[in-house]
Protein backbone atom coordinates (compact mmCIF):
# COMPACT_ATOMS: atom_id res chain seq x y z
CA MET A 1 9.80 -0.68 -2.60
CA ALA A 2 12.19 1.93 -3.97
CA GLU A 3 9.29 3.68 -5.72
CA TYR A 4 7.40 3.87 -2.43
CA GLU A 5 10.40 5.36 -0.63
CA ALA A 6 10.77 7.98 -3.39
CA TYR A 7 7.06 8.81 -3.02
CA ARG A 8 7.51 9.24 0.75
CA ARG A 9 10.49 11.59 0.31
CA LYS A 10 8.53 13.72 -2.16
CA SER A 11 5.53 13.86 0.17
CA PHE A 12 7.60 15.64 2.84
CA GLU A 13 8.31 18.43 0.35
CA ASP A 14 4.74 18.77 -0.93
CA PRO A 15 2.81 21.75 0.55
CA ASP A 16 -0.54 19.93 0.39
CA CYS A 17 0.88 16.87 2.12
CA ASN A 18 2.46 19.04 4.81
CA ALA A 19 -0.87 20.80 5.37
CA ALA A 20 -2.57 17.42 5.73
CA PHE A 21 0.12 16.20 8.15
CA ASP A 22 -0.27 19.38 10.22
CA HIS A 23 -4.06 19.05 10.26
CA ALA A 24 -3.82 15.42 11.37
CA ALA A 25 -1.38 16.33 14.15
CA LYS A 26 -3.55 19.19 15.41
CA THR A 27 -6.90 17.39 15.27
CA ARG A 28 -5.63 13.88 16.03
CA CYS A 29 -8.01 12.62 13.33
CA ILE A 30 -5.56 9.82 12.51
CA ILE A 31 -5.23 7.52 15.48
CA SER A 32 -2.97 4.92 13.94
CA TYR A 33 -1.03 4.65 10.72
CA GLU A 34 0.31 1.27 9.71
CA ARG A 35 1.58 -0.04 6.43
CA SER A 36 2.47 -3.49 5.27
CA PHE A 37 3.90 -4.94 2.12
CA PRO A 38 2.69 -8.52 1.69
CA ARG A 39 4.82 -10.81 -0.42
CA PRO A 40 3.86 -14.15 -1.91
CA VAL A 41 4.90 -17.14 0.15
CA PHE A 42 5.51 -19.16 -2.99
CA GLU A 43 5.10 -18.73 -6.72
CA LEU A 44 2.28 -20.59 -8.43
CA SER A 45 2.71 -22.11 -11.85
CA GLY A 46 0.79 -20.44 -14.68
CA ALA A 47 -1.70 -23.33 -14.96
CA ARG A 48 -2.33 -23.37 -11.21
CA GLN A 49 -2.86 -19.58 -11.15
CA MET A 50 -5.46 -19.85 -13.89
CA SER A 51 -7.38 -22.56 -12.05
CA LEU A 52 -7.50 -20.37 -8.93
CA SER A 53 -8.88 -17.38 -10.80
CA GLN A 54 -11.49 -19.23 -12.83
CA PRO A 55 -14.63 -20.82 -11.39
CA THR A 56 -14.82 -24.58 -11.57
CA ALA A 57 -17.54 -26.28 -13.57
CA GLY A 58 -19.86 -28.14 -11.38
């Protein structure tokens, strides 16, 4: 999360980002901006993770 916050701070100083922000404000081409940071509900064991990522024989 700290890396994302650093990225956001830098974006406010970037001329290209500021031009894009100004364009979006003038043209209203961005109607909604939402961000989310999903987190795992629980940690899976290594064996369980592998079985989820590999197809079952059948």
